[in-house]
Protein backbone atom coordinates (compact mmCIF):
# COMPACT_ATOMS: atom_id res chain seq x y z
CA MET A 1 -51.26 55.09 20.17
CA ALA A 2 -50.25 51.80 18.28
CA THR A 3 -47.05 50.01 19.64
CA LYS A 4 -44.52 49.04 17.13
CA LYS A 5 -44.29 45.30 16.64
CA LYS A 6 -40.91 43.89 17.52
CA LEU A 7 -39.07 42.28 14.41
CA GLN A 8 -37.91 38.76 14.95
CA ALA A 9 -34.29 37.95 13.99
CA PRO A 10 -34.20 35.71 10.77
CA GLU A 11 -33.77 31.92 11.51
CA THR A 12 -30.14 30.81 11.08
CA ALA A 13 -28.50 27.64 10.09
CA LEU A 14 -25.05 26.10 10.66
CA VAL A 15 -22.79 25.46 7.66
CA LEU A 16 -19.70 23.53 7.31
CA ARG A 17 -16.80 24.51 5.17
CA THR A 18 -13.02 24.13 5.01
CA CYS A 19 -10.04 26.43 4.46
CA TYR A 20 -6.33 25.92 3.92
CA ALA A 21 -3.88 25.88 6.99
CA ASP A 22 -3.45 29.69 6.55
CA MET A 23 -7.16 30.34 6.62
CA THR A 24 -7.45 31.13 2.89
CA SER A 25 -9.88 29.69 0.57
CA HIS A 26 -10.40 29.48 -3.23
CA GLY A 27 -9.22 32.66 -4.90
CA GLY A 28 -7.09 33.66 -1.81
CA PHE A 29 -10.01 34.93 0.25
CA GLN A 30 -8.71 35.59 3.82
CA TRP A 31 -10.87 34.14 6.50
CA PRO A 32 -10.22 35.57 10.17
CA ASP A 33 -8.85 32.92 12.49
CA GLU A 34 -11.15 33.89 15.32
CA VAL A 35 -14.42 32.31 16.62
CA GLY A 36 -17.22 35.05 16.73
CA ALA A 37 -15.82 36.95 13.88
CA VAL A 38 -18.21 38.28 11.22
CA VAL A 39 -17.32 37.49 7.73
CA THR A 40 -18.71 39.47 4.63
CA ALA A 41 -18.17 38.89 1.01
CA SER A 42 -17.38 42.29 -0.65
CA ASP A 43 -18.41 40.93 -4.06
CA TRP A 44 -21.76 39.41 -3.17
CA ARG A 45 -24.11 38.89 -5.91
CA LYS A 46 -27.50 37.19 -5.23
CA ASP A 47 -27.68 34.67 -8.28
CA ASP A 48 -27.38 30.94 -8.76
CA GLU A 49 -23.87 31.00 -9.98
CA CYS A 50 -20.66 30.05 -8.19
CA GLY A 51 -18.61 32.84 -7.08
CA HIS A 52 -19.44 36.28 -5.70
CA GLY A 53 -20.12 35.20 -2.04
CA LEU A 54 -19.05 32.82 0.74
CA HIS A 55 -19.59 29.01 0.28
CA GLY A 56 -20.25 26.04 2.33
CA TRP A 57 -22.34 22.96 2.98
CA LEU A 58 -25.75 23.56 4.61
CA PHE A 59 -26.10 21.41 7.66
CA GLY A 60 -22.80 19.50 6.50
CA GLN A 61 -24.26 17.95 3.60
CA GLY A 62 -23.02 18.56 -0.06
CA ASP A 63 -20.50 17.76 -2.59
CA SER A 64 -17.02 17.36 -1.27
CA GLY A 65 -15.66 18.21 -4.72
CA ALA A 66 -16.67 21.73 -4.19
CA SER A 67 -13.64 22.31 -1.81
CA SER A 68 -10.10 22.54 -2.95
CA SER A 69 -8.84 22.35 0.62
CA ILE A 70 -10.85 19.37 2.03
CA GLY A 71 -8.25 16.67 1.12
CA LYS A 72 -5.36 18.53 2.77
CA PRO A 73 -4.23 16.89 6.18
CA ASP A 74 -3.84 20.36 7.80
CA ALA A 75 -6.90 21.87 6.44
CA LYS A 76 -9.14 23.98 8.91
CA TRP A 77 -12.68 23.01 9.34
CA LEU A 78 -15.16 25.86 10.18
CA VAL A 79 -18.71 25.79 11.31
CA VAL A 80 -20.39 29.23 10.42
CA GLU A 81 -23.89 30.48 11.25
CA VAL A 82 -25.77 32.00 8.42
CA PRO A 83 -29.38 33.68 8.17
CA LEU A 84 -31.46 31.22 6.19
CA PRO A 85 -33.24 33.84 4.08
CA SER A 86 -29.77 34.84 2.62
CA ILE A 87 -28.76 31.41 1.46
CA VAL A 88 -28.67 30.53 -2.22
CA ALA A 89 -28.50 26.80 -3.25
CA LEU A 90 -26.09 25.95 -5.86
CA GLY A 91 -26.50 22.25 -6.00
CA GLY A 92 -24.01 20.31 -3.80
CA LYS A 93 -23.04 23.74 -1.92
CA ILE A 94 -24.63 27.00 -0.98
CA LYS A 95 -23.48 30.62 -1.02
CA PHE A 96 -24.21 33.43 1.34
CA PRO A 97 -23.25 37.15 1.62
CA SER A 98 -22.08 36.89 5.51
CA CYS A 99 -21.81 34.71 8.39
CA THR A 100 -20.49 34.33 11.88
CA ILE A 101 -17.69 31.91 12.75
CA ARG A 102 -18.92 29.50 15.48
CA HIS A 103 -16.11 26.90 15.33
CA ILE A 104 -12.57 26.63 14.09
CA GLY A 105 -10.89 23.11 14.21
CA ASP A 106 -10.21 19.67 12.46
CA LYS A 107 -12.55 17.44 10.78
CA LEU A 108 -13.46 15.44 13.97
CA SER A 109 -14.06 18.66 16.13
CA ALA A 110 -15.93 20.49 13.57
CA THR A 111 -18.40 17.74 12.56
CA GLN A 112 -19.04 17.04 16.23
CA TYR A 113 -19.81 20.56 16.95
CA LEU A 114 -22.21 20.64 13.96
CA LEU A 115 -23.94 17.72 15.24
CA GLU A 116 -24.26 18.97 18.82
CA HIS A 117 -25.59 22.48 17.74
CA GLU A 118 -27.56 21.76 14.50
CA VAL A 119 -30.38 19.47 14.90
CA ARG A 120 -31.02 19.22 11.30
CA ALA A 121 -27.55 17.81 10.57
CA ALA A 122 -28.64 14.46 12.31
CA SER A 123 -30.84 13.65 9.30
CA VAL A 124 -28.44 14.16 6.62
CA ALA A 125 -25.11 12.64 5.29
CA VAL A 126 -22.61 15.00 7.02
CA ILE A 127 -19.32 15.21 5.19
CA GLY A 128 -16.35 13.77 7.26
CA VAL A 129 -18.33 12.79 10.28
CA THR A 130 -17.53 10.21 12.80
CA LEU A 131 -20.39 8.00 14.20
CA THR A 132 -20.57 4.99 16.44
CA GLY A 133 -23.65 3.19 17.08
CA GLY A 134 -24.70 -0.08 18.82
CA ASP A 135 -26.65 -2.99 17.66
CA ASP A 136 -29.42 -2.42 15.11
CA SER A 137 -27.97 1.04 14.28
CA THR A 138 -28.60 3.07 11.08
CA LEU A 139 -25.71 5.49 10.41
CA THR A 140 -25.21 7.56 7.34
CA GLY A 141 -22.29 9.73 6.58
CA GLY A 142 -21.00 11.81 3.66
CA TYR A 143 -17.55 11.98 1.87
CA HIS A 144 -14.56 10.73 4.27
CA SER A 145 -16.90 9.56 6.98
CA THR A 146 -16.04 6.91 9.75
CA LEU A 147 -19.07 4.80 10.86
CA THR A 148 -18.88 1.94 13.22
CA GLY A 149 -21.90 -0.08 14.21
CA GLY A 150 -22.73 -3.14 16.12
CA ASN A 151 -24.54 -6.24 14.90
CA HIS A 152 -27.52 -5.91 12.52
CA SER A 153 -26.36 -2.41 11.51
CA THR A 154 -26.98 -0.43 8.34
CA LEU A 155 -24.06 1.84 7.56
CA THR A 156 -23.97 4.20 4.37
CA GLY A 157 -20.92 6.36 3.61
CA GLY A 158 -19.67 8.39 0.77
CA ASP A 159 -16.32 8.20 -1.02
CA ASP A 160 -13.22 7.63 0.99
CA SER A 161 -15.33 6.32 3.97
CA THR A 162 -14.49 3.71 6.58
CA LEU A 163 -17.32 1.49 7.59
CA THR A 164 -17.34 -1.28 10.26
CA GLY A 165 -20.27 -3.43 11.30
CA GLY A 166 -20.96 -6.50 13.24
CA TYR A 167 -22.69 -9.68 12.00
CA HIS A 168 -25.89 -9.42 9.80
CA SER A 169 -24.87 -5.84 8.88
CA THR A 170 -25.45 -3.85 5.69
CA LEU A 171 -22.63 -1.63 4.59
CA THR A 172 -22.56 0.59 1.60
CA GLY A 173 -19.56 2.86 0.82
CA GLY A 174 -18.68 4.96 -2.26
CA ASN A 175 -15.23 4.97 -4.16
CA HIS A 176 -12.09 4.07 -2.32
CA SER A 177 -14.02 3.08 0.78
CA THR A 178 -12.98 0.52 3.50
CA LEU A 179 -15.85 -1.75 4.57
CA THR A 180 -15.49 -4.62 7.24
CA GLY A 181 -18.51 -6.65 8.21
CA GLY A 182 -19.02 -9.77 10.35
CA TYR A 183 -20.67 -12.96 9.14
CA ASP A 184 -23.71 -12.90 7.03
CA SER A 185 -23.06 -9.13 6.03
CA THR A 186 -23.74 -7.45 2.68
CA LEU A 187 -20.94 -5.09 1.70
CA THR A 188 -21.11 -2.83 -1.33
CA GLY A 189 -18.27 -0.37 -2.32
CA GLY A 190 -17.38 1.59 -5.24
CA TYR A 191 -14.18 1.84 -7.38
CA GLY A 192 -10.96 1.12 -5.47
CA SER A 193 -12.83 0.01 -2.39
CA THR A 194 -11.52 -2.68 0.25
CA LEU A 195 -14.25 -5.15 1.39
CA THR A 196 -13.74 -7.73 4.23
CA GLY A 197 -16.58 -9.96 5.37
CA GLY A 198 -16.97 -12.99 7.53
CA TYR A 199 -18.51 -16.27 6.28
CA ASP A 200 -21.89 -16.11 4.33
CA SER A 201 -21.12 -12.72 3.50
CA THR A 202 -22.02 -10.80 0.15
CA LEU A 203 -19.61 -8.46 -1.05
CA THR A 204 -19.69 -6.32 -4.22
CA GLY A 205 -17.00 -4.05 -5.25
CA GLY A 206 -16.32 -1.69 -8.25
CA ASP A 207 -13.35 -1.64 -10.55
CA HIS A 208 -9.93 -2.33 -8.83
CA SER A 209 -11.39 -3.33 -5.59
CA THR A 210 -10.03 -5.77 -2.99
CA LEU A 211 -12.67 -8.20 -1.63
CA THR A 212 -11.96 -10.81 1.11
CA GLY A 213 -14.76 -13.21 2.21
CA GLY A 214 -15.06 -15.93 4.56
CA ASP A 215 -16.60 -19.47 3.80
CA ASP A 216 -19.87 -19.54 1.83
CA SER A 217 -19.39 -16.01 0.73
CA THR A 218 -20.39 -14.37 -2.57
CA LEU A 219 -17.84 -11.85 -3.93
CA THR A 220 -18.36 -9.73 -7.19
CA GLY A 221 -15.61 -7.21 -8.27
CA GLY A 222 -14.99 -5.11 -11.37
CA TYR A 223 -12.19 -5.26 -13.58
CA GLY A 224 -8.64 -5.42 -11.96
CA SER A 225 -10.11 -6.49 -8.65
CA THR A 226 -8.62 -9.02 -6.17
CA LEU A 227 -11.12 -11.43 -4.70
CA THR A 228 -10.35 -13.99 -2.00
CA GLY A 229 -13.03 -16.27 -0.72
CA GLY A 230 -13.19 -19.14 1.80
CA ASP A 231 -14.54 -22.72 1.18
CA HIS A 232 -17.79 -22.91 -0.88
CA SER A 233 -17.39 -19.34 -2.04
CA THR A 234 -18.65 -17.84 -5.40
CA LEU A 235 -16.18 -15.30 -6.90
CA THR A 236 -16.99 -13.17 -10.06
CA GLY A 237 -14.31 -10.62 -11.37
CA GLY A 238 -14.08 -8.46 -14.30
CA TYR A 239 -11.15 -8.74 -16.72
CA ASP A 240 -7.67 -8.64 -15.41
CA SER A 241 -8.73 -9.84 -11.84
CA THR A 242 -7.24 -12.11 -9.33
CA LEU A 243 -9.47 -14.69 -7.59
CA THR A 244 -8.80 -17.19 -5.02
CA GLY A 245 -11.24 -19.62 -3.43
CA GLY A 246 -11.11 -22.42 -1.04
CA TYR A 247 -12.30 -25.88 -1.72
CA GLY A 248 -15.79 -26.27 -3.49
CA SER A 249 -15.68 -22.63 -4.86
CA THR A 250 -16.98 -21.36 -8.13
CA LEU A 251 -14.73 -18.64 -9.77
CA THR A 252 -15.55 -16.72 -12.86
CA GLY A 253 -13.07 -14.10 -14.21
CA GLY A 254 -12.93 -12.11 -17.36
CA TYR A 255 -9.95 -12.35 -19.85
CA ASP A 256 -6.42 -11.85 -18.54
CA SER A 257 -7.54 -12.97 -15.09
CA THR A 258 -5.60 -15.26 -12.54
CA LEU A 259 -7.82 -17.83 -10.76
CA THR A 260 -6.84 -20.13 -7.98
CA GLY A 261 -9.41 -22.71 -6.45
CA GLY A 262 -9.14 -25.42 -3.81
CA TYR A 263 -10.40 -28.89 -4.00
CA HIS A 264 -13.52 -29.69 -6.10
CA SER A 265 -13.70 -25.99 -7.51
CA THR A 266 -14.97 -24.86 -10.70
CA LEU A 267 -12.83 -22.15 -12.48
CA THR A 268 -14.11 -20.16 -15.59
CA GLY A 269 -11.87 -17.57 -16.95
CA GLY A 270 -11.75 -15.44 -20.23
CA TYR A 271 -9.08 -15.80 -22.88
CA HIS A 272 -5.49 -15.36 -21.84
CA SER A 273 -6.56 -16.30 -18.14
CA THR A 274 -4.57 -18.43 -15.94
CA LEU A 275 -6.09 -21.23 -13.86
CA THR A 276 -4.98 -23.30 -10.96
CA GLY A 277 -7.25 -25.97 -9.42
CA GLY A 278 -7.10 -28.25 -6.47
CA ASP A 279 -8.00 -32.08 -6.73
CA LYS A 280 -11.28 -32.82 -8.79
CA SER A 281 -11.58 -29.32 -10.13
CA GLU A 282 -12.85 -28.22 -13.26
CA LEU A 283 -11.09 -25.69 -15.53
CA ARG A 284 -12.80 -23.73 -18.13
CA ILE A 285 -11.87 -20.97 -20.34
CA ARG A 286 -14.25 -18.89 -22.69
CA LYS A 287 -12.83 -17.89 -26.03
CA TRP A 288 -14.33 -15.74 -28.79
CA CYS A 289 -14.65 -18.02 -32.22
CA SER A 290 -14.79 -15.67 -35.06
CA LYS A 291 -15.72 -18.25 -37.45
CA SER A 292 -19.03 -19.10 -35.80
CA GLU A 293 -19.35 -15.70 -34.19
CA ARG A 294 -20.01 -17.05 -30.73
CA TYR A 295 -18.08 -17.74 -27.53
CA ARG A 296 -16.81 -21.36 -27.03
CA THR A 297 -15.96 -22.81 -23.70
CA TYR A 298 -12.96 -25.21 -23.55
CA GLN A 299 -12.72 -27.52 -20.46
CA ALA A 300 -10.16 -29.66 -18.67
CA TYR A 301 -10.40 -31.64 -15.49
CA VAL A 302 -7.74 -31.91 -12.75
CA GLY A 303 -6.62 -35.62 -12.56
CA GLU A 304 -7.44 -36.46 -16.10
CA ASP A 305 -5.48 -36.05 -19.39
CA GLY A 306 -2.39 -35.02 -17.57
CA ILE A 307 -3.84 -32.10 -15.77
CA GLU A 308 -2.28 -31.77 -12.48
CA ALA A 309 -3.63 -30.20 -9.22
CA GLU A 310 -1.95 -27.01 -7.94
CA LYS A 311 -0.43 -26.11 -11.19
CA ALA A 312 -1.42 -23.25 -13.55
CA TYR A 313 -2.75 -23.70 -16.95
CA ARG A 314 -3.76 -21.62 -19.89
CA LEU A 315 -5.23 -22.29 -23.22
CA GLY A 316 -2.72 -22.95 -25.88
CA GLU A 317 -2.75 -22.31 -29.63
CA ASN A 318 -4.64 -25.59 -30.48
CA ASN A 319 -7.34 -24.73 -27.76
CA LYS A 320 -5.66 -27.34 -25.55
CA PHE A 321 -4.69 -26.60 -21.89
CA VAL A 322 -0.82 -26.15 -21.40
CA LEU A 323 1.21 -25.17 -18.43
CA ALA A 324 1.22 -21.44 -17.96
């Protein structure tokens, strides 16, 4: 008589998700506050549309905007176990009919639990993860990550991340990120980021960013940015930017910008900009000429024709430099 073949249990995966402090989620669904509890969606529907199921981020990776509670300081972070065959991918998140709660805690404890118990999480950008590496490290995190690497590190984080690397590091963050690198580092941040690099660094930020570099640095910011460089730095900002460089610096800003350079600097601003240069500096303002249908550059030299060092100038009505 033939023996029955024993059926194997389906392979499972760990999924990260968040709830409000009272363990409710979108739509008021109540999650049990108990590790080991089995949770089932009574309205489960196996389709590729959001809703009608439980939701989360497979292996911890996905779109943080899929959660309405993730930004709450008292949010509960859960790690749940889900049978892989039941998962439906939705793009940036997944849904599933049921799961078993394996961990309930805060962002740090949940992401650490995930990394310790889900081997596949090590190869993706886990949301909210905290990673620390030594020299020559490569660290990747998702939204709201905290990454710290030693010298020669490569750190990549999502929006609202904090990245800190040593010298010769490469740091890339999303919007509203904070990046700090040692000398000869390359830092790239999105909108509203704060970037700080040592000398000979390259910093690139989106609109409304704050960039601070040491000597011989290259800083590029979008509109409304604040750029501060050391001696011999190159600063380029969009309109309404504020640029400050040490001696021998090259500063270029869009219209309505404020530029301040040290000794022997070259300052170029758009129309309505204000320029302040040290001794031997050159002041330039670009203005659109409707008659010739082209931009024209007007120049002044500190120490000549009454242009004084450490005083702010703008372009007057007759295209002459006047005190701002």
